[in-house]
N, C-alpha and C. Protein backbone atom coordinates (compact mmCIF):
# COMPACT_ATOMS: atom_id res chain seq x y z
N MET A 1 -47.47 27.75 -82.14
CA MET A 1 -46.66 28.90 -81.74
C MET A 1 -47.39 29.76 -80.72
N LYS A 2 -48.72 29.91 -80.89
CA LYS A 2 -49.51 30.70 -79.96
C LYS A 2 -49.45 30.10 -78.55
N THR A 3 -49.54 28.79 -78.45
CA THR A 3 -49.47 28.10 -77.15
C THR A 3 -48.13 28.36 -76.49
N VAL A 4 -47.06 28.35 -77.25
CA VAL A 4 -45.72 28.60 -76.71
C VAL A 4 -45.65 30.02 -76.15
N LYS A 5 -46.23 31.00 -76.85
CA LYS A 5 -46.23 32.38 -76.38
C LYS A 5 -47.01 32.53 -75.08
N VAL A 6 -48.15 31.84 -74.98
CA VAL A 6 -48.96 31.90 -73.76
C VAL A 6 -48.20 31.28 -72.60
N ILE A 7 -47.57 30.12 -72.82
CA ILE A 7 -46.79 29.46 -71.77
C ILE A 7 -45.63 30.35 -71.34
N LEU A 8 -44.94 30.94 -72.31
CA LEU A 8 -43.82 31.83 -72.00
C LEU A 8 -44.29 33.06 -71.23
N PHE A 9 -45.42 33.64 -71.63
CA PHE A 9 -45.98 34.80 -70.93
C PHE A 9 -46.24 34.46 -69.46
N TRP A 10 -46.92 33.34 -69.22
CA TRP A 10 -47.25 32.96 -67.84
C TRP A 10 -46.01 32.53 -67.06
N LEU A 11 -45.08 31.86 -67.70
CA LEU A 11 -43.84 31.47 -67.02
C LEU A 11 -43.07 32.71 -66.54
N LEU A 12 -42.94 33.69 -67.42
CA LEU A 12 -42.26 34.93 -67.03
C LEU A 12 -43.06 35.72 -66.01
N SER A 13 -44.39 35.73 -66.16
CA SER A 13 -45.25 36.45 -65.21
C SER A 13 -45.15 35.85 -63.81
N LEU A 14 -44.99 34.54 -63.74
CA LEU A 14 -44.95 33.86 -62.44
C LEU A 14 -43.54 33.75 -61.85
N THR A 15 -42.54 34.19 -62.60
CA THR A 15 -41.16 34.15 -62.10
C THR A 15 -40.62 35.58 -62.01
N TRP A 16 -40.09 36.10 -63.09
CA TRP A 16 -39.51 37.45 -63.12
C TRP A 16 -40.55 38.51 -62.77
N GLY A 17 -41.78 38.34 -63.23
CA GLY A 17 -42.84 39.31 -62.96
C GLY A 17 -43.76 38.91 -61.82
N ALA A 18 -43.26 38.09 -60.91
CA ALA A 18 -44.10 37.52 -59.85
C ALA A 18 -44.64 38.55 -58.86
N VAL A 19 -43.91 39.63 -58.61
CA VAL A 19 -44.36 40.62 -57.63
C VAL A 19 -45.73 41.16 -58.03
N MET A 20 -45.84 41.66 -59.24
CA MET A 20 -47.11 42.24 -59.69
C MET A 20 -48.16 41.16 -59.94
N THR A 21 -47.75 40.02 -60.46
CA THR A 21 -48.71 38.95 -60.73
C THR A 21 -49.29 38.40 -59.44
N LEU A 22 -48.49 38.31 -58.39
CA LEU A 22 -49.01 37.86 -57.10
C LEU A 22 -50.03 38.87 -56.55
N CYS A 23 -49.72 40.15 -56.67
CA CYS A 23 -50.69 41.19 -56.27
C CYS A 23 -51.98 41.04 -57.09
N GLY A 24 -51.82 40.78 -58.37
CA GLY A 24 -52.98 40.58 -59.24
C GLY A 24 -53.80 39.37 -58.85
N ALA A 25 -53.13 38.30 -58.45
CA ALA A 25 -53.84 37.08 -58.02
C ALA A 25 -54.65 37.34 -56.76
N VAL A 26 -54.10 38.13 -55.83
CA VAL A 26 -54.82 38.47 -54.60
C VAL A 26 -56.06 39.31 -54.94
N VAL A 27 -55.89 40.30 -55.79
CA VAL A 27 -57.02 41.14 -56.21
C VAL A 27 -58.04 40.29 -56.96
N ALA A 28 -57.57 39.39 -57.83
CA ALA A 28 -58.48 38.52 -58.58
C ALA A 28 -59.30 37.65 -57.63
N LEU A 29 -58.66 37.09 -56.62
CA LEU A 29 -59.37 36.27 -55.64
C LEU A 29 -60.43 37.10 -54.91
N ALA A 30 -60.06 38.30 -54.50
CA ALA A 30 -61.02 39.18 -53.81
C ALA A 30 -62.19 39.52 -54.73
N LEU A 31 -61.91 39.78 -55.98
CA LEU A 31 -62.99 40.10 -56.93
C LEU A 31 -63.90 38.89 -57.17
N MET A 32 -63.32 37.70 -57.27
CA MET A 32 -64.15 36.51 -57.46
C MET A 32 -65.02 36.25 -56.24
N VAL A 33 -64.47 36.46 -55.05
CA VAL A 33 -65.24 36.27 -53.81
C VAL A 33 -66.42 37.25 -53.78
N THR A 34 -66.24 38.44 -54.34
CA THR A 34 -67.31 39.43 -54.34
C THR A 34 -68.23 39.30 -55.55
N GLY A 35 -68.09 38.21 -56.29
CA GLY A 35 -69.03 37.92 -57.38
C GLY A 35 -68.64 38.40 -58.77
N HIS A 36 -67.44 38.93 -58.94
CA HIS A 36 -66.99 39.36 -60.27
C HIS A 36 -66.45 38.16 -61.04
N ARG A 37 -66.77 38.12 -62.31
CA ARG A 37 -66.41 36.99 -63.15
C ARG A 37 -65.10 37.27 -63.90
N PRO A 38 -64.13 36.36 -63.81
CA PRO A 38 -62.90 36.56 -64.59
C PRO A 38 -63.16 36.36 -66.08
N ARG A 39 -62.45 37.12 -66.87
CA ARG A 39 -62.54 37.03 -68.34
C ARG A 39 -61.13 36.93 -68.90
N ARG A 40 -61.06 36.49 -70.15
CA ARG A 40 -59.75 36.41 -70.81
C ARG A 40 -59.63 37.46 -71.89
N PHE A 41 -58.47 38.08 -71.93
CA PHE A 41 -58.11 38.96 -73.05
C PHE A 41 -56.77 38.45 -73.53
N HIS A 42 -56.78 37.71 -74.62
CA HIS A 42 -55.61 37.00 -75.12
C HIS A 42 -55.08 36.10 -74.00
N CYS A 43 -53.87 36.34 -73.50
CA CYS A 43 -53.32 35.45 -72.47
C CYS A 43 -53.47 36.03 -71.06
N LEU A 44 -54.10 37.19 -70.91
CA LEU A 44 -54.28 37.81 -69.60
C LEU A 44 -55.67 37.53 -69.05
N VAL A 45 -55.81 37.65 -67.75
CA VAL A 45 -57.09 37.51 -67.07
C VAL A 45 -57.51 38.90 -66.62
N TYR A 46 -58.78 39.25 -66.86
CA TYR A 46 -59.22 40.57 -66.42
C TYR A 46 -60.61 40.52 -65.81
N PHE A 47 -60.93 41.59 -65.11
CA PHE A 47 -62.22 41.75 -64.45
C PHE A 47 -62.79 43.11 -64.82
N GLU A 48 -64.12 43.19 -64.85
CA GLU A 48 -64.80 44.46 -65.11
C GLU A 48 -65.47 44.91 -63.83
N VAL A 49 -65.18 46.16 -63.43
CA VAL A 49 -65.71 46.71 -62.18
C VAL A 49 -66.12 48.16 -62.42
N GLY A 50 -67.34 48.52 -62.06
CA GLY A 50 -67.79 49.90 -62.17
C GLY A 50 -67.86 50.39 -63.60
N SER A 51 -67.94 51.71 -63.75
CA SER A 51 -67.98 52.28 -65.10
C SER A 51 -67.36 53.67 -65.10
N GLY A 52 -66.85 54.04 -66.27
CA GLY A 52 -66.35 55.39 -66.49
C GLY A 52 -65.02 55.75 -65.85
N TRP A 53 -64.16 54.77 -65.57
CA TRP A 53 -62.91 55.14 -64.89
C TRP A 53 -61.63 54.65 -65.55
N GLY A 54 -61.62 53.71 -66.42
CA GLY A 54 -60.39 53.24 -67.06
C GLY A 54 -59.99 51.87 -66.58
N GLY A 55 -58.75 51.73 -66.10
CA GLY A 55 -58.29 50.43 -65.66
C GLY A 55 -56.93 50.49 -64.99
N PHE A 56 -56.51 49.33 -64.45
CA PHE A 56 -55.16 49.19 -63.91
C PHE A 56 -54.70 47.75 -64.11
N GLU A 57 -53.39 47.60 -64.16
CA GLU A 57 -52.78 46.30 -64.46
C GLU A 57 -52.02 45.80 -63.25
N LEU A 58 -52.10 44.50 -63.02
CA LEU A 58 -51.35 43.84 -61.94
C LEU A 58 -50.76 42.55 -62.49
N GLY A 59 -49.66 42.66 -63.18
CA GLY A 59 -48.98 41.50 -63.75
C GLY A 59 -49.78 40.88 -64.87
N ALA A 60 -50.16 39.62 -64.70
CA ALA A 60 -50.91 38.91 -65.74
C ALA A 60 -52.42 39.13 -65.60
N PHE A 61 -52.80 40.03 -64.70
CA PHE A 61 -54.20 40.37 -64.44
C PHE A 61 -54.40 41.86 -64.66
N PHE A 62 -55.61 42.24 -65.05
CA PHE A 62 -55.94 43.65 -65.04
C PHE A 62 -57.41 43.84 -64.74
N VAL A 63 -57.74 45.04 -64.30
CA VAL A 63 -59.10 45.40 -63.95
C VAL A 63 -59.47 46.63 -64.77
N VAL A 64 -60.63 46.59 -65.40
CA VAL A 64 -61.12 47.73 -66.18
C VAL A 64 -62.58 47.99 -65.82
N CYS A 65 -63.06 49.16 -66.22
CA CYS A 65 -64.47 49.46 -66.02
C CYS A 65 -65.29 48.66 -67.04
N ARG A 66 -66.57 48.50 -66.75
CA ARG A 66 -67.45 47.72 -67.63
C ARG A 66 -67.57 48.31 -69.03
N ASP A 67 -67.42 49.61 -69.14
CA ASP A 67 -67.56 50.26 -70.45
C ASP A 67 -66.21 50.48 -71.14
N ALA A 68 -65.19 49.76 -70.70
CA ALA A 68 -63.85 49.90 -71.31
C ALA A 68 -63.86 49.37 -72.73
N GLY A 69 -63.23 50.09 -73.61
CA GLY A 69 -63.12 49.67 -75.00
C GLY A 69 -61.88 48.83 -75.25
N LEU A 70 -61.74 48.41 -76.47
CA LEU A 70 -60.59 47.60 -76.88
C LEU A 70 -59.27 48.31 -76.57
N SER A 71 -59.19 49.61 -76.82
CA SER A 71 -57.93 50.33 -76.62
C SER A 71 -57.51 50.32 -75.15
N THR A 72 -58.45 50.39 -74.23
CA THR A 72 -58.11 50.34 -72.79
C THR A 72 -57.58 48.95 -72.43
N LYS A 73 -58.22 47.92 -72.95
CA LYS A 73 -57.76 46.55 -72.67
C LYS A 73 -56.38 46.31 -73.28
N GLN A 74 -56.16 46.83 -74.47
CA GLN A 74 -54.84 46.71 -75.10
C GLN A 74 -53.79 47.44 -74.27
N HIS A 75 -54.12 48.64 -73.82
CA HIS A 75 -53.19 49.44 -73.03
C HIS A 75 -52.80 48.71 -71.74
N GLU A 76 -53.79 48.20 -71.02
CA GLU A 76 -53.48 47.49 -69.78
C GLU A 76 -52.68 46.22 -70.06
N SER A 77 -52.96 45.55 -71.16
CA SER A 77 -52.18 44.38 -71.56
C SER A 77 -50.75 44.77 -71.90
N GLY A 78 -50.57 45.96 -72.47
CA GLY A 78 -49.23 46.47 -72.74
C GLY A 78 -48.43 46.63 -71.45
N HIS A 79 -49.11 47.06 -70.38
CA HIS A 79 -48.43 47.11 -69.07
C HIS A 79 -48.06 45.70 -68.63
N GLY A 80 -48.87 44.70 -69.00
CA GLY A 80 -48.54 43.31 -68.69
C GLY A 80 -47.22 42.88 -69.34
N ILE A 81 -46.98 43.34 -70.55
CA ILE A 81 -45.70 43.06 -71.22
C ILE A 81 -44.57 43.82 -70.52
N GLN A 82 -44.84 45.06 -70.13
CA GLN A 82 -43.82 45.81 -69.39
C GLN A 82 -43.44 45.07 -68.11
N ASN A 83 -44.39 44.41 -67.48
CA ASN A 83 -44.10 43.62 -66.28
C ASN A 83 -43.11 42.50 -66.58
N LEU A 84 -43.22 41.91 -67.76
CA LEU A 84 -42.27 40.86 -68.15
C LEU A 84 -40.87 41.42 -68.33
N ILE A 85 -40.79 42.66 -68.75
CA ILE A 85 -39.50 43.30 -69.00
C ILE A 85 -38.86 43.80 -67.69
N PHE A 86 -39.65 44.50 -66.88
CA PHE A 86 -39.11 45.11 -65.66
C PHE A 86 -39.13 44.21 -64.43
N GLY A 87 -39.98 43.18 -64.46
CA GLY A 87 -40.04 42.23 -63.36
C GLY A 87 -40.24 42.88 -62.01
N PRO A 88 -39.36 42.59 -61.04
CA PRO A 88 -39.54 43.12 -59.69
C PRO A 88 -39.42 44.64 -59.59
N PHE A 89 -38.93 45.28 -60.64
CA PHE A 89 -38.80 46.74 -60.64
C PHE A 89 -40.05 47.43 -61.18
N MET A 90 -40.98 46.65 -61.71
CA MET A 90 -42.21 47.20 -62.30
C MET A 90 -42.96 48.15 -61.37
N PRO A 91 -43.15 47.80 -60.09
CA PRO A 91 -43.90 48.72 -59.23
C PRO A 91 -43.25 50.11 -59.15
N PHE A 92 -41.94 50.15 -59.14
CA PHE A 92 -41.22 51.41 -58.96
C PHE A 92 -41.01 52.18 -60.26
N VAL A 93 -40.85 51.46 -61.36
CA VAL A 93 -40.57 52.09 -62.64
C VAL A 93 -41.85 52.51 -63.37
N VAL A 94 -42.92 51.71 -63.24
CA VAL A 94 -44.13 51.97 -64.00
C VAL A 94 -45.38 52.10 -63.13
N SER A 95 -45.68 51.11 -62.32
CA SER A 95 -46.98 51.03 -61.64
C SER A 95 -47.26 52.19 -60.69
N ILE A 96 -46.35 52.46 -59.77
CA ILE A 96 -46.57 53.54 -58.81
C ILE A 96 -46.57 54.89 -59.51
N PRO A 97 -45.58 55.18 -60.40
CA PRO A 97 -45.66 56.45 -61.12
C PRO A 97 -46.94 56.60 -61.95
N SER A 98 -47.41 55.50 -62.54
CA SER A 98 -48.63 55.54 -63.33
C SER A 98 -49.84 55.85 -62.44
N ALA A 99 -49.91 55.23 -61.28
CA ALA A 99 -51.03 55.48 -60.36
C ALA A 99 -51.01 56.92 -59.86
N ILE A 100 -49.85 57.41 -59.49
CA ILE A 100 -49.74 58.80 -59.03
C ILE A 100 -50.16 59.74 -60.15
N ARG A 101 -49.70 59.49 -61.34
CA ARG A 101 -50.05 60.33 -62.49
C ARG A 101 -51.55 60.29 -62.76
N TYR A 102 -52.15 59.11 -62.66
CA TYR A 102 -53.60 58.98 -62.89
C TYR A 102 -54.37 59.85 -61.90
N TRP A 103 -54.05 59.75 -60.61
CA TRP A 103 -54.78 60.51 -59.60
C TRP A 103 -54.51 61.99 -59.69
N TYR A 104 -53.31 62.37 -60.10
CA TYR A 104 -53.00 63.79 -60.34
C TYR A 104 -53.87 64.33 -61.48
N ARG A 105 -53.93 63.58 -62.57
CA ARG A 105 -54.75 63.99 -63.71
C ARG A 105 -56.23 64.04 -63.31
N TYR A 106 -56.67 63.07 -62.53
CA TYR A 106 -58.07 63.03 -62.09
C TYR A 106 -58.40 64.29 -61.28
N ALA A 107 -57.51 64.66 -60.36
CA ALA A 107 -57.73 65.85 -59.53
C ALA A 107 -57.77 67.11 -60.39
N LYS A 108 -56.88 67.22 -61.37
CA LYS A 108 -56.87 68.39 -62.27
C LYS A 108 -58.16 68.46 -63.08
N GLU A 109 -58.62 67.30 -63.57
CA GLU A 109 -59.85 67.26 -64.36
C GLU A 109 -61.05 67.66 -63.51
N LYS A 110 -61.09 67.22 -62.26
CA LYS A 110 -62.19 67.57 -61.35
C LYS A 110 -62.25 69.07 -61.09
N ARG A 111 -61.11 69.74 -61.14
CA ARG A 111 -61.05 71.19 -60.92
C ARG A 111 -61.23 71.97 -62.22
N GLY A 112 -61.56 71.25 -63.31
CA GLY A 112 -61.78 71.92 -64.59
C GLY A 112 -60.51 72.33 -65.30
N LEU A 113 -59.41 71.68 -64.98
CA LEU A 113 -58.12 72.05 -65.57
C LEU A 113 -57.61 71.00 -66.55
N ALA A 114 -58.50 70.22 -67.10
CA ALA A 114 -58.09 69.16 -68.04
C ALA A 114 -57.35 69.74 -69.24
N HIS A 115 -57.70 70.94 -69.64
CA HIS A 115 -57.06 71.56 -70.81
C HIS A 115 -55.58 71.86 -70.59
N THR A 116 -55.12 71.85 -69.34
CA THR A 116 -53.72 72.12 -69.04
C THR A 116 -52.86 70.86 -69.04
N LEU A 117 -53.50 69.70 -69.20
CA LEU A 117 -52.78 68.43 -69.13
C LEU A 117 -52.24 67.99 -70.49
N PRO A 118 -51.04 67.40 -70.52
CA PRO A 118 -50.56 66.82 -71.77
C PRO A 118 -51.36 65.55 -72.08
N PRO A 119 -51.27 65.05 -73.31
CA PRO A 119 -51.97 63.81 -73.64
C PRO A 119 -51.56 62.67 -72.70
N TYR A 120 -52.48 61.74 -72.47
CA TYR A 120 -52.24 60.65 -71.52
C TYR A 120 -50.98 59.86 -71.87
N ASP A 121 -50.77 59.61 -73.15
CA ASP A 121 -49.61 58.81 -73.59
C ASP A 121 -48.33 59.63 -73.74
N ALA A 122 -48.33 60.87 -73.28
CA ALA A 122 -47.15 61.72 -73.43
C ALA A 122 -45.96 61.24 -72.60
N ILE A 123 -46.22 60.58 -71.48
CA ILE A 123 -45.13 60.07 -70.65
C ILE A 123 -44.73 58.69 -71.19
N TRP A 124 -43.45 58.38 -71.15
CA TRP A 124 -42.91 57.22 -71.85
C TRP A 124 -43.60 55.90 -71.51
N PHE A 125 -43.86 55.62 -70.22
CA PHE A 125 -44.39 54.30 -69.86
C PHE A 125 -45.84 54.11 -70.30
N GLU A 126 -46.61 55.19 -70.40
CA GLU A 126 -47.99 55.06 -70.87
C GLU A 126 -48.03 54.91 -72.39
N GLY A 127 -47.27 55.73 -73.08
CA GLY A 127 -47.21 55.62 -74.54
C GLY A 127 -46.69 54.27 -74.99
N TRP A 128 -45.67 53.78 -74.30
CA TRP A 128 -45.09 52.49 -74.62
C TRP A 128 -46.09 51.37 -74.37
N ALA A 129 -46.85 51.44 -73.25
CA ALA A 129 -47.87 50.42 -72.96
C ALA A 129 -48.92 50.40 -74.07
N THR A 130 -49.33 51.56 -74.54
CA THR A 130 -50.32 51.63 -75.62
C THR A 130 -49.77 51.01 -76.89
N ARG A 131 -48.52 51.33 -77.23
CA ARG A 131 -47.91 50.77 -78.44
C ARG A 131 -47.74 49.25 -78.33
N LEU A 132 -47.29 48.76 -77.17
CA LEU A 132 -47.14 47.31 -76.97
C LEU A 132 -48.49 46.61 -77.08
N GLY A 133 -49.49 47.18 -76.46
CA GLY A 133 -50.84 46.58 -76.49
C GLY A 133 -51.40 46.49 -77.89
N LYS A 134 -51.22 47.55 -78.66
CA LYS A 134 -51.73 47.54 -80.04
C LYS A 134 -50.96 46.56 -80.92
N LYS A 135 -49.66 46.44 -80.65
CA LYS A 135 -48.83 45.55 -81.45
C LYS A 135 -49.12 44.07 -81.17
N TYR A 136 -49.23 43.72 -79.89
CA TYR A 136 -49.32 42.31 -79.52
C TYR A 136 -50.73 41.80 -79.20
N PHE A 137 -51.67 42.71 -79.00
CA PHE A 137 -53.00 42.29 -78.60
C PHE A 137 -54.07 42.90 -79.52
N ASN A 138 -53.84 42.80 -80.80
CA ASN A 138 -54.77 43.37 -81.79
C ASN A 138 -55.84 42.40 -82.17
């Protein structure tokens, strides 16, 4: 059954979710050329780059910092499931809004205004990614 789920994940990632997965493949290739080693987290491929910053998801691939914990990997994997659901709409519904929100929060934190921010998972797509990741990638 596990093999069927992996095949289904990759089949959907390479068809309905191909936009983000193709972007992820390009980033993965660039990271491998620069000496980063691909790793597996369940059925996804990920890379570790830098430290202290979190991560981002690109279809069936994700990139996290070297000191990322299990919860960060689960969260990014949850975005991988969202990619299967939203497919070609993923960049507009989740990815771009998530990136904008991340950089907005980063700027507020740099100015010492972190206390004014709601919890990271307060917005629907982030909270849902965390819940999906914990449910399916435990």
